[in-house]
């Protein structure tokens, strides 16, 4: 049986390209700043209470206007900073995507606005949940194993996700995985 070269083809497929955000760059910045402010202020709350407080900032602000052919409501814009359950719709948990944040930064008009983005970057460098997870729960062993074997074993890689869950990979490694 020949091995498939998964790097030679696109493995994640989007049906349609994402629509550009309906919010102006300054509106996006203001929402992300408010989200970040609430995230900071709720640091001592439970995870659930913090998530709810942060969700109140972004919903319903991020829902898009209805389009002519929409059959139901619910389409929304995922900003570079926010909360989500899947990477295709923003990110997992409290997230910050610097690449997309820099694209918003480039569209801003003043240096003062760009400095505000830089302040967000500084905060989220330590608060992005996936970054925390990678720092705290990867020792190189699981990642090395998962990246050197067949992709059948992808669930053991902390570089992937399963429906937004971030598993205790060290426990999985200690207890084993039946294949």
N, C-alpha and C. Protein backbone atom coordinates (compact mmCIF):
# COMPACT_ATOMS: atom_id res chain seq x y z
N UNK A 1 0.85 -1.17 0.00
CA UNK A 1 0.00 0.00 0.00
C UNK A 1 0.90 1.24 0.00
N UNK A 2 0.64 2.15 -0.91
CA UNK A 2 1.48 3.35 -0.97
C UNK A 2 0.96 4.40 -0.01
N UNK A 3 1.89 5.17 0.53
CA UNK A 3 1.53 6.26 1.43
C UNK A 3 1.08 7.46 0.63
N UNK A 4 0.03 8.10 1.10
CA UNK A 4 -0.47 9.31 0.44
C UNK A 4 0.34 10.51 0.93
N UNK A 5 0.71 11.38 0.02
CA UNK A 5 1.43 12.59 0.38
C UNK A 5 0.40 13.66 0.72
N UNK A 6 0.10 13.82 2.02
CA UNK A 6 -0.95 14.76 2.41
C UNK A 6 -0.51 16.21 2.29
N UNK A 7 0.78 16.46 2.21
CA UNK A 7 1.23 17.85 2.07
C UNK A 7 1.09 18.34 0.64
N UNK A 8 0.85 17.41 -0.29
CA UNK A 8 0.75 17.80 -1.70
C UNK A 8 -0.65 18.22 -2.10
N UNK A 9 -1.61 18.07 -1.19
CA UNK A 9 -2.98 18.45 -1.54
C UNK A 9 -3.61 19.22 -0.38
N UNK A 10 -4.64 19.95 -0.70
CA UNK A 10 -5.36 20.69 0.32
C UNK A 10 -6.28 19.72 1.04
N UNK A 11 -6.14 19.61 2.37
CA UNK A 11 -6.93 18.65 3.12
C UNK A 11 -8.14 19.28 3.78
N UNK A 12 -8.15 20.58 3.99
CA UNK A 12 -9.32 21.27 4.53
C UNK A 12 -9.98 22.03 3.40
N UNK A 13 -11.26 21.83 3.23
CA UNK A 13 -11.95 22.41 2.09
C UNK A 13 -13.06 23.33 2.60
N UNK A 14 -13.10 24.52 2.06
CA UNK A 14 -14.20 25.43 2.34
C UNK A 14 -15.10 25.44 1.12
N UNK A 15 -16.39 25.45 1.35
CA UNK A 15 -17.34 25.43 0.25
C UNK A 15 -17.27 26.75 -0.51
N UNK A 16 -17.27 27.85 0.23
CA UNK A 16 -17.16 29.17 -0.36
C UNK A 16 -16.09 29.95 0.41
N UNK A 17 -15.49 30.88 -0.26
CA UNK A 17 -14.54 31.75 0.44
C UNK A 17 -15.29 32.56 1.48
N UNK A 18 -14.63 32.86 2.59
CA UNK A 18 -15.27 33.64 3.63
C UNK A 18 -15.57 35.04 3.12
N UNK A 19 -16.70 35.55 3.56
CA UNK A 19 -17.08 36.91 3.20
C UNK A 19 -16.23 37.90 4.01
N UNK A 20 -15.90 39.03 3.42
CA UNK A 20 -15.18 40.03 4.21
C UNK A 20 -16.06 40.51 5.37
N UNK A 21 -15.45 40.87 6.45
CA UNK A 21 -16.18 41.33 7.63
C UNK A 21 -17.00 42.57 7.28
N UNK A 22 -18.23 42.60 7.77
CA UNK A 22 -19.10 43.75 7.52
C UNK A 22 -18.69 44.97 8.35
N UNK A 23 -17.98 44.75 9.43
CA UNK A 23 -17.58 45.85 10.31
C UNK A 23 -16.34 46.54 9.74
N UNK A 24 -16.29 47.84 9.91
CA UNK A 24 -15.11 48.59 9.50
C UNK A 24 -13.95 48.20 10.42
N UNK A 25 -12.71 48.45 10.00
CA UNK A 25 -11.57 48.13 10.86
C UNK A 25 -11.66 48.79 12.24
N UNK A 26 -12.14 50.04 12.31
CA UNK A 26 -12.23 50.70 13.62
C UNK A 26 -13.33 50.07 14.48
N UNK A 27 -14.44 49.66 13.85
CA UNK A 27 -15.49 48.95 14.61
C UNK A 27 -14.95 47.62 15.15
N UNK A 28 -14.19 46.91 14.33
CA UNK A 28 -13.59 45.65 14.77
C UNK A 28 -12.67 45.89 15.95
N UNK A 29 -11.85 46.92 15.85
CA UNK A 29 -10.92 47.26 16.93
C UNK A 29 -11.67 47.54 18.22
N UNK A 30 -12.73 48.32 18.13
CA UNK A 30 -13.50 48.68 19.32
C UNK A 30 -14.14 47.45 19.98
N UNK A 31 -14.66 46.54 19.18
CA UNK A 31 -15.25 45.31 19.73
C UNK A 31 -14.17 44.46 20.38
N UNK A 32 -13.03 44.31 19.72
CA UNK A 32 -11.94 43.50 20.28
C UNK A 32 -11.39 44.12 21.56
N UNK A 33 -11.33 45.44 21.62
CA UNK A 33 -10.87 46.11 22.84
C UNK A 33 -11.86 45.87 23.99
N UNK A 34 -13.15 45.95 23.70
CA UNK A 34 -14.16 45.70 24.73
C UNK A 34 -14.10 44.25 25.20
N UNK A 35 -13.95 43.32 24.26
CA UNK A 35 -13.82 41.90 24.60
C UNK A 35 -12.60 41.70 25.51
N UNK A 36 -11.49 42.32 25.15
CA UNK A 36 -10.26 42.18 25.93
C UNK A 36 -10.42 42.81 27.32
N UNK A 37 -11.08 43.96 27.40
CA UNK A 37 -11.32 44.61 28.69
C UNK A 37 -12.11 43.67 29.60
N UNK A 38 -13.19 43.09 29.08
CA UNK A 38 -14.01 42.17 29.87
C UNK A 38 -13.21 40.93 30.25
N UNK A 39 -12.40 40.43 29.32
CA UNK A 39 -11.57 39.26 29.60
C UNK A 39 -10.62 39.55 30.77
N UNK A 40 -10.02 40.72 30.78
CA UNK A 40 -9.11 41.11 31.87
C UNK A 40 -9.87 41.22 33.19
N UNK A 41 -11.02 41.90 33.15
CA UNK A 41 -11.78 42.17 34.37
C UNK A 41 -12.40 40.93 34.99
N UNK A 42 -12.54 39.87 34.24
CA UNK A 42 -13.19 38.65 34.73
C UNK A 42 -12.19 37.54 35.04
N UNK A 43 -10.94 37.88 35.17
CA UNK A 43 -9.90 36.87 35.39
C UNK A 43 -10.13 36.03 36.64
N UNK A 44 -10.79 36.59 37.66
CA UNK A 44 -11.01 35.87 38.91
C UNK A 44 -12.32 35.09 38.94
N UNK A 45 -13.11 35.15 37.87
CA UNK A 45 -14.36 34.40 37.81
C UNK A 45 -14.09 32.98 37.34
N UNK A 46 -15.10 32.13 37.47
CA UNK A 46 -14.97 30.77 36.94
C UNK A 46 -14.85 30.86 35.42
N UNK A 47 -14.38 29.78 34.80
CA UNK A 47 -14.26 29.75 33.35
C UNK A 47 -15.61 30.00 32.68
N UNK A 48 -16.65 29.42 33.25
CA UNK A 48 -17.98 29.56 32.66
C UNK A 48 -18.48 31.00 32.76
N UNK A 49 -18.30 31.62 33.92
CA UNK A 49 -18.75 33.00 34.09
C UNK A 49 -17.96 33.96 33.20
N UNK A 50 -16.67 33.69 33.08
CA UNK A 50 -15.83 34.53 32.22
C UNK A 50 -16.26 34.40 30.76
N UNK A 51 -16.49 33.17 30.33
CA UNK A 51 -16.92 32.95 28.96
C UNK A 51 -18.23 33.68 28.67
N UNK A 52 -19.19 33.57 29.58
CA UNK A 52 -20.48 34.25 29.40
C UNK A 52 -20.30 35.76 29.31
N UNK A 53 -19.48 36.33 30.17
CA UNK A 53 -19.25 37.77 30.15
C UNK A 53 -18.63 38.19 28.82
N UNK A 54 -17.69 37.42 28.33
CA UNK A 54 -17.04 37.73 27.05
C UNK A 54 -18.01 37.54 25.88
N UNK A 55 -18.82 36.50 25.96
CA UNK A 55 -19.80 36.25 24.89
C UNK A 55 -20.80 37.41 24.79
N UNK A 56 -21.15 38.00 25.93
CA UNK A 56 -22.08 39.14 25.91
C UNK A 56 -21.52 40.31 25.12
N UNK A 57 -20.21 40.40 25.01
CA UNK A 57 -19.59 41.48 24.25
C UNK A 57 -19.76 41.25 22.75
N UNK A 58 -19.53 40.02 22.31
CA UNK A 58 -19.49 39.79 20.86
C UNK A 58 -20.82 39.39 20.24
N UNK A 59 -21.76 38.88 21.04
CA UNK A 59 -23.08 38.55 20.50
C UNK A 59 -24.07 39.58 20.99
N UNK A 60 -24.95 40.14 20.21
CA UNK A 60 -25.19 39.86 18.80
C UNK A 60 -24.40 40.77 17.85
N UNK A 61 -23.43 41.51 18.34
CA UNK A 61 -22.69 42.46 17.50
C UNK A 61 -22.09 41.83 16.25
N UNK A 62 -21.76 40.55 16.32
CA UNK A 62 -21.05 39.93 15.21
C UNK A 62 -21.95 39.25 14.19
N UNK A 63 -23.26 39.24 14.44
CA UNK A 63 -24.15 38.67 13.43
C UNK A 63 -24.20 39.57 12.21
N UNK A 64 -24.19 38.95 11.05
CA UNK A 64 -24.21 39.69 9.79
C UNK A 64 -25.64 40.07 9.41
N UNK A 65 -25.76 41.07 8.55
CA UNK A 65 -27.04 41.41 7.98
C UNK A 65 -27.50 40.26 7.08
N UNK A 66 -28.80 40.08 7.01
CA UNK A 66 -29.35 39.04 6.12
C UNK A 66 -29.00 39.35 4.68
N UNK A 67 -28.67 38.32 3.94
CA UNK A 67 -28.42 38.45 2.51
C UNK A 67 -29.67 37.98 1.77
N UNK A 68 -29.80 38.39 0.55
CA UNK A 68 -31.01 38.12 -0.22
C UNK A 68 -31.40 36.65 -0.24
N UNK A 69 -30.44 35.76 -0.38
CA UNK A 69 -30.77 34.33 -0.50
C UNK A 69 -30.66 33.56 0.82
N UNK A 70 -30.49 34.26 1.95
CA UNK A 70 -30.43 33.57 3.23
C UNK A 70 -31.79 32.97 3.58
N UNK A 71 -31.78 31.73 4.06
CA UNK A 71 -33.00 31.07 4.48
C UNK A 71 -33.22 31.18 5.98
N UNK A 72 -32.16 31.44 6.73
CA UNK A 72 -32.28 31.63 8.17
C UNK A 72 -31.14 32.53 8.64
N UNK A 73 -31.31 33.09 9.84
CA UNK A 73 -30.30 34.00 10.37
C UNK A 73 -29.22 33.22 11.11
N UNK A 74 -28.10 33.85 11.35
CA UNK A 74 -27.05 33.22 12.14
C UNK A 74 -25.66 33.37 11.55
N UNK A 75 -25.56 33.88 10.33
CA UNK A 75 -24.24 34.11 9.75
C UNK A 75 -23.54 35.19 10.57
N UNK A 76 -22.28 34.97 10.90
CA UNK A 76 -21.59 35.99 11.69
C UNK A 76 -20.14 36.14 11.27
N UNK A 77 -19.57 37.28 11.65
CA UNK A 77 -18.17 37.56 11.39
C UNK A 77 -17.35 37.18 12.61
N UNK A 78 -16.33 36.38 12.43
CA UNK A 78 -15.41 36.05 13.50
C UNK A 78 -14.22 37.02 13.41
N UNK A 79 -14.01 37.75 14.47
CA UNK A 79 -12.90 38.71 14.51
C UNK A 79 -11.59 38.01 14.86
N UNK A 80 -10.47 38.69 14.70
CA UNK A 80 -9.19 38.09 15.07
C UNK A 80 -9.05 37.80 16.57
N UNK A 81 -9.88 38.44 17.40
CA UNK A 81 -9.91 38.16 18.84
C UNK A 81 -11.34 37.83 19.19
N UNK A 82 -11.53 36.74 19.93
CA UNK A 82 -12.88 36.38 20.33
C UNK A 82 -12.92 35.05 21.04
N UNK A 83 -14.08 34.41 20.96
CA UNK A 83 -14.28 33.11 21.58
C UNK A 83 -14.98 32.20 20.58
N UNK A 84 -14.53 30.98 20.47
CA UNK A 84 -15.15 30.06 19.54
C UNK A 84 -14.95 28.61 19.93
N UNK A 85 -15.53 27.74 19.13
CA UNK A 85 -15.40 26.31 19.39
C UNK A 85 -14.71 25.57 18.25
N UNK A 86 -14.52 26.24 17.11
CA UNK A 86 -13.82 25.62 15.99
C UNK A 86 -12.93 26.65 15.31
N UNK A 87 -11.82 26.19 14.79
CA UNK A 87 -10.87 27.11 14.17
C UNK A 87 -11.39 27.75 12.90
N UNK A 88 -12.30 27.09 12.19
CA UNK A 88 -12.80 27.67 10.95
C UNK A 88 -13.73 28.86 11.19
N UNK A 89 -14.20 29.01 12.43
CA UNK A 89 -15.07 30.14 12.77
C UNK A 89 -14.41 31.01 13.83
N UNK A 90 -13.16 31.30 13.67
CA UNK A 90 -12.46 32.16 14.60
C UNK A 90 -11.35 31.41 15.30
N UNK A 91 -11.70 30.62 16.26
CA UNK A 91 -10.69 29.89 17.00
C UNK A 91 -11.33 29.05 18.08
N UNK A 92 -10.49 28.42 18.88
CA UNK A 92 -10.94 27.57 19.97
C UNK A 92 -10.77 28.33 21.27
N UNK A 93 -11.87 28.42 22.04
CA UNK A 93 -11.90 29.11 23.33
C UNK A 93 -11.56 30.59 23.12
N UNK A 94 -10.91 31.22 24.09
CA UNK A 94 -10.50 32.62 23.94
C UNK A 94 -9.27 32.62 23.03
N UNK A 95 -9.38 33.28 21.90
CA UNK A 95 -8.31 33.20 20.92
C UNK A 95 -7.89 34.57 20.43
N UNK A 96 -6.69 34.62 19.89
CA UNK A 96 -6.18 35.79 19.16
C UNK A 96 -5.35 35.28 18.00
N UNK A 97 -5.75 35.67 16.79
CA UNK A 97 -5.00 35.29 15.59
C UNK A 97 -4.23 36.51 15.12
N UNK A 98 -2.95 36.53 15.44
CA UNK A 98 -2.12 37.70 15.13
C UNK A 98 -2.07 38.01 13.64
N UNK A 99 -2.05 36.99 12.81
CA UNK A 99 -2.00 37.23 11.37
C UNK A 99 -3.20 38.07 10.93
N UNK A 100 -4.39 37.65 11.32
CA UNK A 100 -5.60 38.40 10.96
C UNK A 100 -5.69 39.73 11.67
N UNK A 101 -5.18 39.78 12.89
CA UNK A 101 -5.17 41.04 13.62
C UNK A 101 -4.27 42.05 12.93
N UNK A 102 -3.15 41.60 12.40
CA UNK A 102 -2.26 42.50 11.66
C UNK A 102 -2.89 42.99 10.36
N UNK A 103 -3.75 42.16 9.75
CA UNK A 103 -4.46 42.62 8.55
C UNK A 103 -5.43 43.75 8.90
N UNK A 104 -6.09 43.65 10.05
CA UNK A 104 -6.96 44.75 10.51
C UNK A 104 -6.09 45.97 10.82
N UNK A 105 -4.97 45.75 11.49
CA UNK A 105 -4.06 46.85 11.84
C UNK A 105 -3.64 47.63 10.61
N UNK A 106 -3.32 46.91 9.54
CA UNK A 106 -2.87 47.56 8.30
C UNK A 106 -3.94 48.44 7.67
N UNK A 107 -5.20 48.17 7.99
CA UNK A 107 -6.30 48.95 7.41
C UNK A 107 -6.65 50.19 8.25
N UNK A 108 -6.10 50.27 9.44
CA UNK A 108 -6.40 51.41 10.31
C UNK A 108 -5.68 52.65 9.82
N UNK A 109 -6.23 53.81 10.13
CA UNK A 109 -5.74 55.06 9.54
C UNK A 109 -4.68 55.78 10.35
N UNK A 110 -4.75 55.68 11.69
CA UNK A 110 -3.83 56.49 12.49
C UNK A 110 -2.85 55.62 13.26
N UNK A 111 -1.75 56.22 13.65
CA UNK A 111 -0.76 55.51 14.47
C UNK A 111 -1.33 55.18 15.84
N UNK A 112 -2.19 56.05 16.36
CA UNK A 112 -2.82 55.81 17.67
C UNK A 112 -3.67 54.55 17.60
N UNK A 113 -4.41 54.36 16.53
CA UNK A 113 -5.23 53.16 16.35
C UNK A 113 -4.34 51.92 16.24
N UNK A 114 -3.24 52.05 15.51
CA UNK A 114 -2.33 50.92 15.35
C UNK A 114 -1.67 50.56 16.68
N UNK A 115 -1.39 51.55 17.51
CA UNK A 115 -0.83 51.32 18.84
C UNK A 115 -1.83 50.55 19.71
N UNK A 116 -3.10 50.85 19.54
CA UNK A 116 -4.14 50.13 20.29
C UNK A 116 -4.14 48.64 19.92
N UNK A 117 -3.90 48.34 18.64
CA UNK A 117 -3.79 46.94 18.22
C UNK A 117 -2.56 46.31 18.86
N UNK A 118 -1.45 47.04 18.89
CA UNK A 118 -0.22 46.52 19.50
C UNK A 118 -0.44 46.16 20.98
N UNK A 119 -1.26 46.96 21.67
CA UNK A 119 -1.58 46.66 23.07
C UNK A 119 -2.39 45.37 23.19
N UNK A 120 -3.29 45.14 22.24
CA UNK A 120 -4.05 43.89 22.22
C UNK A 120 -3.11 42.70 22.00
N UNK A 121 -2.18 42.86 21.06
CA UNK A 121 -1.22 41.78 20.77
C UNK A 121 -0.44 41.43 22.03
N UNK A 122 0.03 42.43 22.74
CA UNK A 122 0.81 42.20 23.96
C UNK A 122 0.00 41.42 24.99
N UNK A 123 -1.25 41.79 25.19
CA UNK A 123 -2.09 41.08 26.16
C UNK A 123 -2.34 39.63 25.74
N UNK A 124 -2.71 39.43 24.48
CA UNK A 124 -3.11 38.10 24.03
C UNK A 124 -1.93 37.17 23.80
N UNK A 125 -0.71 37.68 23.79
CA UNK A 125 0.46 36.79 23.68
C UNK A 125 0.49 35.77 24.81
N UNK A 126 -0.05 36.15 25.96
CA UNK A 126 -0.07 35.22 27.10
C UNK A 126 -1.46 34.70 27.43
N UNK A 127 -2.50 35.24 26.82
CA UNK A 127 -3.87 34.85 27.17
C UNK A 127 -4.57 33.97 26.14
N UNK A 128 -4.05 33.85 24.94
CA UNK A 128 -4.63 32.98 23.93
C UNK A 128 -4.61 31.55 24.45
N UNK A 129 -5.78 30.89 24.48
CA UNK A 129 -5.89 29.57 25.11
C UNK A 129 -5.04 28.51 24.40
N UNK A 130 -5.02 28.52 23.08
CA UNK A 130 -4.22 27.51 22.38
C UNK A 130 -2.73 27.71 22.67
N UNK A 131 -2.29 28.95 22.75
CA UNK A 131 -0.90 29.22 23.09
C UNK A 131 -0.58 28.71 24.50
N UNK A 132 -1.50 28.97 25.45
CA UNK A 132 -1.31 28.46 26.81
C UNK A 132 -1.22 26.94 26.81
N UNK A 133 -2.14 26.32 26.07
CA UNK A 133 -2.16 24.87 26.00
C UNK A 133 -0.85 24.32 25.45
N UNK A 134 -0.40 24.89 24.36
CA UNK A 134 0.85 24.41 23.73
C UNK A 134 2.03 24.58 24.69
N UNK A 135 2.02 25.67 25.44
CA UNK A 135 3.11 25.93 26.38
C UNK A 135 3.05 24.97 27.57
N UNK A 136 1.84 24.74 28.10
CA UNK A 136 1.69 23.99 29.34
C UNK A 136 1.60 22.48 29.18
N UNK A 137 1.10 22.00 28.02
CA UNK A 137 0.80 20.58 27.91
C UNK A 137 1.54 19.86 26.80
N UNK A 138 2.54 20.46 26.26
CA UNK A 138 3.30 19.73 25.26
C UNK A 138 4.75 19.66 25.70
N UNK A 139 5.27 18.47 25.69
CA UNK A 139 6.66 18.28 26.09
C UNK A 139 7.52 17.81 24.93
N UNK A 140 6.95 17.80 23.74
CA UNK A 140 7.70 17.38 22.57
C UNK A 140 7.51 15.92 22.24
N UNK A 141 7.23 15.08 23.23
CA UNK A 141 7.10 13.65 22.99
C UNK A 141 5.86 13.34 22.15
N UNK A 142 4.71 13.83 22.60
CA UNK A 142 3.47 13.54 21.87
C UNK A 142 3.52 14.16 20.49
N UNK A 143 3.96 15.40 20.39
CA UNK A 143 4.02 16.05 19.08
C UNK A 143 4.99 15.33 18.15
N UNK A 144 6.12 14.91 18.65
CA UNK A 144 7.08 14.19 17.82
C UNK A 144 6.49 12.89 17.32
N UNK A 145 5.83 12.15 18.21
CA UNK A 145 5.21 10.89 17.82
C UNK A 145 4.13 11.11 16.77
N UNK A 146 3.25 12.06 17.03
CA UNK A 146 2.11 12.27 16.14
C UNK A 146 2.54 12.81 14.78
N UNK A 147 3.63 13.50 14.72
CA UNK A 147 4.05 14.09 13.46
C UNK A 147 4.99 13.20 12.66
N UNK A 148 5.37 12.06 13.23
CA UNK A 148 6.25 11.16 12.49
C UNK A 148 5.56 9.87 12.07
N UNK A 149 4.28 9.73 12.44
CA UNK A 149 3.54 8.52 12.08
C UNK A 149 2.37 8.86 11.18
N UNK A 150 1.68 7.84 10.72
CA UNK A 150 0.52 7.97 9.83
C UNK A 150 -0.54 8.87 10.45
N UNK A 151 -1.22 9.66 9.63
CA UNK A 151 -2.24 10.59 10.12
C UNK A 151 -3.45 9.90 10.71
N UNK A 152 -3.51 8.57 10.65
CA UNK A 152 -4.57 7.84 11.33
C UNK A 152 -4.55 8.17 12.81
N UNK A 153 -3.37 8.52 13.33
CA UNK A 153 -3.20 8.78 14.75
C UNK A 153 -3.29 10.28 15.07
N UNK A 154 -3.81 11.07 14.17
CA UNK A 154 -3.86 12.53 14.36
C UNK A 154 -4.52 12.95 15.67
N UNK A 155 -5.52 12.24 16.21
CA UNK A 155 -6.11 12.70 17.47
C UNK A 155 -5.13 12.81 18.63
N UNK A 156 -3.98 12.14 18.57
CA UNK A 156 -3.02 12.28 19.67
C UNK A 156 -2.15 13.50 19.51
N UNK A 157 -2.24 14.19 18.41
CA UNK A 157 -1.41 15.37 18.20
C UNK A 157 -2.05 16.60 18.82
N UNK A 158 -1.27 17.32 19.62
CA UNK A 158 -1.80 18.56 20.20
C UNK A 158 -1.80 19.67 19.17
N UNK A 159 -1.33 19.38 17.97
CA UNK A 159 -1.36 20.38 16.90
C UNK A 159 -2.69 20.32 16.15
N UNK A 160 -3.52 19.34 16.46
CA UNK A 160 -4.84 19.25 15.86
C UNK A 160 -5.88 19.44 16.95
N UNK A 161 -7.14 19.40 16.57
CA UNK A 161 -8.19 19.52 17.56
C UNK A 161 -9.32 18.57 17.21
N UNK A 162 -10.12 18.23 18.21
CA UNK A 162 -11.27 17.39 17.99
C UNK A 162 -12.49 18.20 18.43
N UNK A 163 -13.23 18.74 17.48
CA UNK A 163 -14.43 19.53 17.76
C UNK A 163 -14.20 20.59 18.82
N UNK A 164 -13.06 21.20 18.79
CA UNK A 164 -12.79 22.27 19.73
C UNK A 164 -12.28 21.81 21.09
N UNK A 165 -12.21 20.50 21.31
CA UNK A 165 -11.73 20.02 22.60
C UNK A 165 -10.22 20.04 22.62
N UNK A 166 -9.67 20.36 23.76
CA UNK A 166 -8.23 20.26 23.94
C UNK A 166 -8.01 19.20 25.01
N UNK A 167 -7.53 18.07 24.59
CA UNK A 167 -7.40 16.92 25.47
C UNK A 167 -6.16 17.00 26.33
N UNK A 168 -6.13 16.18 27.39
CA UNK A 168 -4.96 16.06 28.25
C UNK A 168 -4.03 15.04 27.57
N UNK A 169 -3.17 15.52 26.68
CA UNK A 169 -2.34 14.64 25.88
C UNK A 169 -1.31 13.87 26.70
N UNK A 170 -0.85 14.46 27.79
CA UNK A 170 0.10 13.74 28.64
C UNK A 170 -0.59 12.53 29.27
N UNK A 171 -1.84 12.68 29.71
CA UNK A 171 -2.60 11.56 30.28
C UNK A 171 -2.84 10.49 29.21
N UNK A 172 -3.20 10.92 28.01
CA UNK A 172 -3.39 9.97 26.91
C UNK A 172 -2.10 9.20 26.64
N UNK A 173 -1.00 9.90 26.67
CA UNK A 173 0.30 9.28 26.41
C UNK A 173 0.65 8.30 27.52
N UNK A 174 0.37 8.68 28.77
CA UNK A 174 0.68 7.80 29.90
C UNK A 174 -0.18 6.54 29.89
N UNK A 175 -1.48 6.69 29.54
CA UNK A 175 -2.41 5.57 29.60
C UNK A 175 -2.53 4.79 28.29
N UNK A 176 -2.04 5.37 27.21
CA UNK A 176 -2.08 4.70 25.92
C UNK A 176 -3.37 4.95 25.17
N UNK A 177 -3.33 4.59 23.89
CA UNK A 177 -4.48 4.73 23.01
C UNK A 177 -4.62 3.42 22.25
N UNK A 178 -5.81 2.85 22.29
CA UNK A 178 -6.04 1.61 21.55
C UNK A 178 -6.24 1.91 20.10
N UNK A 179 -5.57 1.17 19.23
CA UNK A 179 -5.73 1.36 17.79
C UNK A 179 -6.15 0.07 17.13
